[in-house]
Structures are given as structure tokens and as C-alpha cells.
Protein backbone atom coordinates (compact mmCIF):
# COMPACT_ATOMS: atom_id res chain seq x y z
CA UNK A 1 -6.08 53.52 82.60
CA UNK A 2 -5.97 55.66 79.71
CA UNK A 3 -2.46 54.24 78.63
CA UNK A 4 -3.61 50.82 78.68
CA UNK A 5 -6.67 51.61 76.56
CA UNK A 6 -4.48 53.27 73.62
CA UNK A 7 -1.68 50.18 73.94
CA UNK A 8 -4.87 48.15 73.23
CA UNK A 9 -6.00 50.21 70.34
CA UNK A 10 -3.37 49.67 68.88
CA UNK A 11 -2.79 46.25 68.73
CA UNK A 12 -6.49 45.79 67.71
CA UNK A 13 -5.34 48.16 64.72
CA UNK A 14 -2.48 46.46 63.93
CA UNK A 15 -4.39 42.90 63.95
CA UNK A 16 -6.83 44.41 61.73
CA UNK A 17 -4.11 45.43 59.37
CA UNK A 18 -2.39 42.35 58.87
CA UNK A 19 -5.56 40.40 58.53
CA UNK A 20 -6.39 42.63 55.48
CA UNK A 21 -3.41 42.02 53.94
CA UNK A 22 -3.60 38.13 54.02
CA UNK A 23 -7.27 38.16 52.51
CA UNK A 24 -5.88 40.42 49.74
CA UNK A 25 -2.78 37.96 49.55
CA UNK A 26 -5.26 35.14 49.07
CA UNK A 27 -7.71 37.04 46.69
CA UNK A 28 -4.43 37.81 44.23
CA UNK A 29 -3.34 34.27 44.23
CA UNK A 30 -7.02 33.26 43.72
CA UNK A 31 -7.01 35.60 40.63
CA UNK A 32 -3.53 34.83 38.92
CA UNK A 33 -4.78 31.24 39.11
CA UNK A 34 -8.18 31.90 37.54
CA UNK A 35 -6.68 34.19 34.94
CA UNK A 36 -4.00 31.06 34.41
CA UNK A 37 -6.76 28.66 33.61
CA UNK A 38 -8.48 30.82 30.99
CA UNK A 39 -5.31 31.64 29.27
CA UNK A 40 -6.47 31.06 25.72
CA UNK A 41 -4.92 27.84 23.92
CA UNK A 42 -2.62 29.58 21.48
CA UNK A 43 -0.97 31.64 24.51
CA UNK A 44 2.62 31.26 24.73
CA UNK A 45 3.71 28.99 27.65
CA UNK A 46 7.05 28.12 28.59
CA UNK A 47 8.09 24.84 28.20
CA UNK A 48 8.64 22.63 31.01
CA UNK A 49 12.82 21.84 31.59
CA UNK A 50 11.96 18.01 30.42
CA UNK A 51 11.50 19.88 27.01
CA UNK A 52 14.67 21.80 26.52
CA UNK A 53 17.97 20.35 24.65
CA UNK A 54 19.51 19.33 27.70
CA UNK A 55 16.20 17.66 29.24
CA UNK A 56 15.82 15.43 26.10
CA UNK A 57 19.35 14.77 26.06
CA UNK A 58 18.85 13.03 29.32
CA UNK A 59 15.76 11.49 28.45
CA UNK A 60 17.02 10.12 25.29
CA UNK A 61 20.03 8.57 27.59
CA UNK A 62 17.61 7.03 29.86
CA UNK A 63 15.37 5.49 27.00
CA UNK A 64 18.92 4.31 25.33
CA UNK A 65 20.27 2.62 28.57
CA UNK A 66 16.78 0.82 29.15
CA UNK A 67 17.07 -0.83 25.73
CA UNK A 68 14.40 1.92 23.82
CA UNK A 69 16.52 3.17 20.88
CA UNK A 70 13.80 4.03 18.82
CA UNK A 71 12.68 6.78 21.50
CA UNK A 72 16.11 7.55 22.29
CA UNK A 73 17.02 8.43 18.78
CA UNK A 74 13.18 10.32 18.67
CA UNK A 75 14.18 12.24 21.57
CA UNK A 76 18.12 13.27 20.47
CA UNK A 77 16.69 13.93 16.98
CA UNK A 78 14.48 16.29 18.75
CA UNK A 79 17.37 17.98 20.96
CA UNK A 80 19.44 18.05 17.58
CA UNK A 81 16.72 20.37 16.21
CA UNK A 82 16.80 22.50 19.26
CA UNK A 83 20.15 23.07 19.55
CA UNK A 84 22.81 21.41 17.04
CA UNK A 85 25.35 20.31 18.91
CA UNK A 86 27.81 17.90 17.21
CA UNK A 87 28.03 15.50 19.87
CA UNK A 88 24.47 14.33 19.56
CA UNK A 89 24.94 12.98 16.33
CA UNK A 90 27.68 10.71 17.62
CA UNK A 91 24.78 9.55 20.10
CA UNK A 92 22.21 9.40 17.07
CA UNK A 93 24.60 7.27 15.21
CA UNK A 94 24.90 4.62 18.26
CA UNK A 95 21.02 4.28 18.17
CA UNK A 96 20.37 4.02 14.16
CA UNK A 97 23.02 1.41 14.68
CA UNK A 98 21.46 -0.49 17.02
CA UNK A 99 18.14 -0.04 14.87
CA UNK A 100 19.42 -1.67 11.96
CA UNK A 101 19.70 2.04 10.38
CA UNK A 102 22.72 1.72 8.66
CA UNK A 103 22.73 4.15 6.27
CA UNK A 104 21.38 6.73 9.09
CA UNK A 105 24.06 6.14 11.60
CA UNK A 106 27.06 6.37 8.86
CA UNK A 107 25.28 9.79 7.56
CA UNK A 108 25.19 10.89 11.47
CA UNK A 109 29.04 9.39 12.02
CA UNK A 110 29.91 11.66 8.69
CA UNK A 111 28.34 14.69 10.08
CA UNK A 112 30.24 14.10 13.53
CA UNK A 113 33.36 13.37 12.09
CA UNK A 114 33.01 16.90 9.81
CA UNK A 115 31.77 18.74 12.70
CA UNK A 116 33.65 17.96 15.39
CA UNK A 117 37.37 19.47 16.48
CA UNK A 118 40.55 17.71 15.39
CA UNK A 119 41.25 16.90 19.50
CA UNK A 120 37.94 15.33 19.99
CA UNK A 121 38.62 12.26 21.87
CA UNK A 122 36.29 10.37 20.19
CA UNK A 123 36.81 10.96 16.43
CA UNK A 124 39.10 7.72 16.34
CA UNK A 125 36.20 5.86 17.53
CA UNK A 126 34.21 7.49 15.06
CA UNK A 127 36.20 7.36 12.26
CA UNK A 128 36.64 3.26 12.78
CA UNK A 129 32.74 2.77 13.34
CA UNK A 130 32.16 4.85 10.30
CA UNK A 131 34.30 2.43 8.07
CA UNK A 132 32.86 -0.85 9.83
CA UNK A 133 29.33 0.76 9.13
CA UNK A 134 30.15 1.15 5.42
CA UNK A 135 31.57 -2.36 5.21
CA UNK A 136 28.37 -3.77 6.16
CA UNK A 137 26.38 -1.74 4.14
CA UNK A 138 28.22 -2.92 1.06
CA UNK A 139 27.68 -6.67 2.40
CA UNK A 140 23.91 -6.23 2.52
CA UNK A 141 22.51 -7.62 -0.71
CA UNK A 142 20.61 -10.26 -2.38
CA UNK A 143 22.13 -13.20 -4.68
CA UNK A 144 19.54 -13.84 -7.21
CA UNK A 145 19.56 -17.35 -8.61
CA UNK A 146 17.88 -18.72 -11.71
CA UNK A 147 15.15 -16.82 -13.86
CA UNK A 148 14.97 -16.67 -17.46
CA UNK A 149 17.80 -14.47 -19.39
CA UNK A 150 16.95 -11.11 -20.31
CA UNK A 151 13.82 -11.15 -17.47
CA UNK A 152 13.01 -7.62 -16.15
CA UNK A 153 14.03 -7.19 -12.35
CA UNK A 154 12.39 -5.01 -10.10
CA UNK A 155 13.24 -4.24 -6.61
CA UNK A 156 10.22 -2.07 -4.26
CA UNK A 157 8.87 -1.08 -7.91
CA UNK A 158 12.09 0.23 -9.33
CA UNK A 159 14.13 -1.48 -12.41
CA UNK A 160 17.66 -2.82 -11.53
CA UNK A 161 18.21 -4.14 -14.43
CA UNK A 162 18.07 -7.68 -16.26
CA UNK A 163 18.83 -11.64 -15.60
CA UNK A 164 21.21 -13.23 -14.99
CA UNK A 165 22.60 -10.96 -11.90
CA UNK A 166 25.97 -12.30 -11.44
CA UNK A 167 26.95 -10.08 -8.82
CA UNK A 168 25.03 -9.36 -5.42
CA UNK A 169 22.73 -7.15 -5.52
CA UNK A 170 23.24 -4.18 -3.25
CA UNK A 171 20.24 -3.25 -0.84
CA UNK A 172 18.87 -1.37 2.40
CA UNK A 173 18.64 -3.54 5.49
CA UNK A 174 14.74 -4.48 5.63
CA UNK A 175 12.12 -5.79 3.58
CA UNK A 176 11.88 -5.52 0.07
CA UNK A 177 9.22 -6.61 -2.48
CA UNK A 178 11.31 -8.41 -5.71
CA UNK A 179 9.01 -8.59 -9.48
CA UNK A 180 10.73 -10.58 -12.33
CA UNK A 181 8.84 -10.08 -15.42
CA UNK A 182 9.52 -12.11 -18.84
CA UNK A 183 7.68 -12.77 -21.76
CA UNK A 184 5.88 -15.98 -21.82
CA UNK A 185 6.06 -16.38 -18.11
CA UNK A 186 4.19 -15.62 -15.18
CA UNK A 187 5.63 -12.93 -12.91
CA UNK A 188 7.54 -13.79 -10.09
CA UNK A 189 6.94 -11.83 -6.89
CA UNK A 190 8.45 -12.06 -3.65
CA UNK A 191 8.99 -10.61 -0.36
CA UNK A 192 12.39 -10.94 1.03
CA UNK A 193 13.64 -9.64 4.63
CA UNK A 194 17.52 -8.76 4.09
CA UNK A 195 19.39 -8.47 7.80
CA UNK A 196 22.16 -5.78 8.02
CA UNK A 197 25.38 -7.05 7.40
CA UNK A 198 24.05 -10.16 5.33
CA UNK A 199 23.18 -11.19 2.07
CA UNK A 200 20.08 -13.40 1.49
CA UNK A 201 19.98 -16.13 -1.59
CA UNK A 202 16.85 -15.54 -3.61
CA UNK A 203 15.92 -18.48 -6.15
CA UNK A 204 13.71 -17.18 -9.30
CA UNK A 205 11.35 -20.10 -10.61
CA UNK A 206 9.12 -18.88 -13.35
CA UNK A 207 5.93 -20.44 -14.79
CA UNK A 208 5.46 -20.84 -18.18
CA UNK A 209 2.24 -19.65 -19.74
CA UNK A 210 0.57 -22.30 -21.65
CA UNK A 211 -0.14 -21.10 -25.49
CA UNK A 212 -2.71 -22.72 -27.51
CA UNK A 213 -5.39 -23.00 -25.14
CA UNK A 214 -9.20 -22.55 -25.40
CA UNK A 215 -10.67 -19.41 -23.40
CA UNK A 216 -13.73 -19.41 -21.78
CA UNK A 217 -15.37 -17.07 -24.17
CA UNK A 218 -16.08 -19.62 -27.16
CA UNK A 219 -17.25 -21.75 -24.63
CA UNK A 220 -19.95 -19.51 -22.92
CA UNK A 221 -20.95 -18.53 -26.53
CA UNK A 222 -21.53 -22.10 -27.72
CA UNK A 223 -23.80 -22.43 -24.69
CA UNK A 224 -25.56 -20.20 -24.86
CA UNK A 225 -26.28 -20.14 -28.61
CA UNK A 226 -27.11 -23.78 -28.14
CA UNK A 227 -30.18 -22.81 -25.52
CA UNK A 228 -31.40 -20.44 -27.11
CA UNK A 229 -31.82 -22.61 -30.53
CA UNK A 230 -33.30 -25.54 -28.77
CA UNK A 231 -35.38 -23.53 -26.89
CA UNK A 232 -36.47 -21.81 -30.18
CA UNK A 233 -36.77 -25.30 -31.61
CA UNK A 234 -39.05 -26.28 -28.67
CA UNK A 235 -41.70 -23.26 -28.75
CA UNK A 236 -41.88 -23.49 -32.42
CA UNK A 237 -42.78 -27.72 -31.90
CA UNK A 238 -45.32 -26.35 -29.25
CA UNK A 239 -46.91 -23.87 -31.82
CA UNK A 240 -47.19 -26.38 -34.38
CA UNK A 241 -49.29 -28.59 -31.69
CA UNK A 242 -51.15 -25.71 -30.76
CA UNK A 243 -52.10 -24.90 -34.26
CA UNK A 244 -53.16 -28.48 -35.07
CA UNK A 245 -55.62 -28.63 -32.11
CA UNK A 246 -57.54 -25.62 -32.83
CA UNK A 247 -61.09 -25.88 -34.20
CA UNK A 248 -60.83 -22.59 -35.98
CA UNK A 249 -58.41 -20.09 -37.40
CA UNK A 250 -59.98 -17.69 -35.38
CA UNK A 251 -60.14 -19.58 -31.96
CA UNK A 252 -57.90 -18.50 -28.57
CA UNK A 253 -55.86 -21.69 -29.90
CA UNK A 254 -55.01 -20.08 -33.05
CA UNK A 255 -53.85 -17.21 -31.66
CA UNK A 256 -51.80 -18.43 -29.14
CA UNK A 257 -50.04 -20.86 -32.05
CA UNK A 258 -49.29 -17.95 -34.02
CA UNK A 259 -47.41 -16.21 -30.73
CA UNK A 260 -45.86 -19.11 -29.94
CA UNK A 261 -44.68 -19.27 -33.76
CA UNK A 262 -43.52 -15.68 -33.65
CA UNK A 263 -41.64 -16.43 -30.62
CA UNK A 264 -40.11 -19.45 -32.54
CA UNK A 265 -38.89 -17.37 -35.17
CA UNK A 266 -36.96 -15.00 -33.35
CA UNK A 267 -35.29 -17.63 -30.72
CA UNK A 268 -33.79 -20.11 -33.20
CA UNK A 269 -32.34 -18.14 -35.54
CA UNK A 270 -30.93 -15.81 -32.81
CA UNK A 271 -29.17 -19.09 -31.41
CA UNK A 272 -28.18 -20.31 -34.34
CA UNK A 273 -26.36 -16.87 -34.98
CA UNK A 274 -24.77 -17.24 -31.36
CA UNK A 275 -24.03 -20.63 -31.95
CA UNK A 276 -22.04 -19.94 -35.33
CA UNK A 277 -20.31 -16.86 -33.61
CA UNK A 278 -18.85 -19.20 -30.84
CA UNK A 279 -17.95 -22.31 -33.24
CA UNK A 280 -15.58 -19.51 -35.27
CA UNK A 281 -13.90 -18.12 -32.07
CA UNK A 282 -13.18 -21.64 -31.24
CA UNK A 283 -11.59 -22.55 -34.09
CA UNK A 284 -9.28 -19.15 -34.18
CA UNK A 285 -8.61 -20.38 -30.63
CA UNK A 286 -7.46 -23.72 -31.61
CA UNK A 287 -5.64 -22.79 -34.68
CA UNK A 288 -3.74 -19.23 -33.51
CA UNK A 289 -0.36 -19.26 -32.50
CA UNK A 290 2.53 -16.37 -32.36
CA UNK A 291 6.20 -16.74 -32.69
CA UNK A 292 6.69 -15.73 -29.19
CA UNK A 293 5.37 -18.59 -27.72
CA UNK A 294 1.75 -16.72 -26.90
CA UNK A 295 -1.44 -17.04 -27.50
CA UNK A 296 -2.44 -14.63 -30.34
CA UNK A 297 -5.24 -12.56 -29.23
CA UNK A 298 -8.85 -12.62 -31.03
CA UNK A 299 -11.97 -10.64 -30.84
CA UNK A 300 -15.42 -11.35 -31.69
CA UNK A 301 -18.07 -8.62 -31.73
CA UNK A 302 -21.48 -9.83 -31.73
CA UNK A 303 -24.60 -7.38 -32.29
CA UNK A 304 -28.27 -8.49 -32.04
CA UNK A 305 -29.99 -7.48 -35.39
CA UNK A 306 -34.19 -7.00 -34.93
CA UNK A 307 -36.55 -5.37 -37.22
CA UNK A 308 -39.83 -6.20 -38.76
CA UNK A 309 -38.58 -8.88 -41.29
CA UNK A 310 -34.53 -9.35 -39.68
CA UNK A 311 -34.32 -11.48 -36.68
CA UNK A 312 -30.24 -12.18 -36.41
CA UNK A 313 -26.75 -11.40 -35.10
CA UNK A 314 -24.05 -9.84 -37.14
CA UNK A 315 -20.38 -10.71 -36.08
CA UNK A 316 -17.40 -8.96 -36.38
CA UNK A 317 -14.06 -9.14 -35.28
CA UNK A 318 -9.94 -9.67 -35.73
CA UNK A 319 -7.68 -12.47 -35.37
């Protein structure tokens, strides 16, 4: 009987030990999870397998097989930055070529041909592709037709010489902004899309600038001066009417007449001065010419003059 009690005591003790170990293991797991969740944002964390060079390469292969060449190029660029294997340049050249980035494709193949071993089975193919891509680059061009002789040609803001251009203008594939400038003509501007390996004809037609025309300035000056002059004369007439109907020189009507007369004395000389300035400007615009066919520049500055005994405008300029 005592043996059975001792055996039962051993079993109970063993069960308690196992239970305590299980509880301790669960507590340690919870503490580890809590410590992981509370780790600072800047703490070093092991990168997932898909973010190492091989993982990026495989993801790039998947993207390429699905026709997503942009994503494939990005993934392979990241893989090459982590591990500069020359074979990645071969893959990159294929993605770049699919994207129409011929200059990048040629640079990648150059790096591959220079960095691989002489017994590389893909070396001959890489050289052949590099030659073909360079030939396509040399065929990517714009053929410019028309435009005045000596006109300045700008492509994407860069000076590319003068017209005429009888030879094809080599450019990289893609969109390009063209601007042509010449004296006596309005600027020519166009956006031209040039596919890889192709040439695009661009016709340049420039509109001559009309010379000897009348600018808007003198017209506005004449209209404004005429309006002020007419207003001054009208106020003067009203002053005469008020003065004629005034019963005496000290009456309210006489005071109103004197006020209107003062306003008239300010308005009509001012209007006359503005009108004269606009007339001079108009004559200069109609008669001035230049040897280049462009209208001569004229500048007229009108300054009002107001004082106790002087009302008018001062005009000065160069023509």
C-alpha cells in the first residue's frame, strides 16, 4: 500500500513539472512576440528571401515572361546593385530593347561583352545584337524640310545648328520638342514622336511677321484723349449755362458755375495733350520701317503736369 502511494506521488510530481515547463514555454513565446512587435522602426530586420539578388532576379524573370518589361528592368537593376553579376546585363539589355530604350540596351550589352568570359556561349549573340541595336540607333532620326535659310534649330532646348538640314537629324527614340527661330518670322514649334529605328519627316512652315502695322497703344491713347477732351468741353458748356442763369455773382448757382469752369479748365487741356500724344505715336507707327522688315520700335512716355497755373501733359520718347 505504501508503494502505491509513493508511485502515485512520483506520477503527480512529474505531471506538475511538465505542466510548469509548458506554461514557461508559452510565456517565453509571448514575450518574444511582444519584443518583436515593440522593435523600433530603425532596427535591422533580416530581408525576406524575395529581396535578395536571386529573389529579385527570379521575380524579374516572371515579370518579363508576363510582358511587364518595365517591372522586369527595375527588378534586375536592383539585383545588379546587390550583386554585380555580368549576366544580369544581358537580361537588362533584353528588357531595355523591349521598352524601346535602345541607348540603355546598347550600354548593357557593352558591359556584358566587356565583362563576360571568352567561352561564354551567349557572347556571339550579344555582339550580333549590339551591332543591330547600334544600326537602329543610327536610323532613329528626323528629316527636316522647309524653313527659311539660316533659321536657328532647337531640339529639346538644345542648339542643333541652322537650317537647312539636308542630312537626317539623329535623335533618341521618344518625344522631342522642336522650335525654329528666324528674324521676321513667327517661331515654329512642334512636338514630334520618333519611334526606335525609324525616321520621321517634319515639315517646317513659318509665318512672316507683318511690318508697318499700327499697334494698339496709339489707338487707345487717341480714344482716351478724345473722351477727356469732349468731357472737358461738355463741363465748360454746363458752366456757361449755370453762369448765365445765376441771379447774382454770390449766389449758389454762380458758385457751381465757377466750380464747373475749373473742372473744364483741367479736363480739356488734358484731353488735348493726350490726343496730341496719340496722334504723334500713330504717325510714327505708320511711317517707321526697318531694313530687316521688322517694324521699328517706338516708345512714348506721357507725364501729367498739374500745378497752380499749369495743367497738361509732358510727352517724350524715342522713335
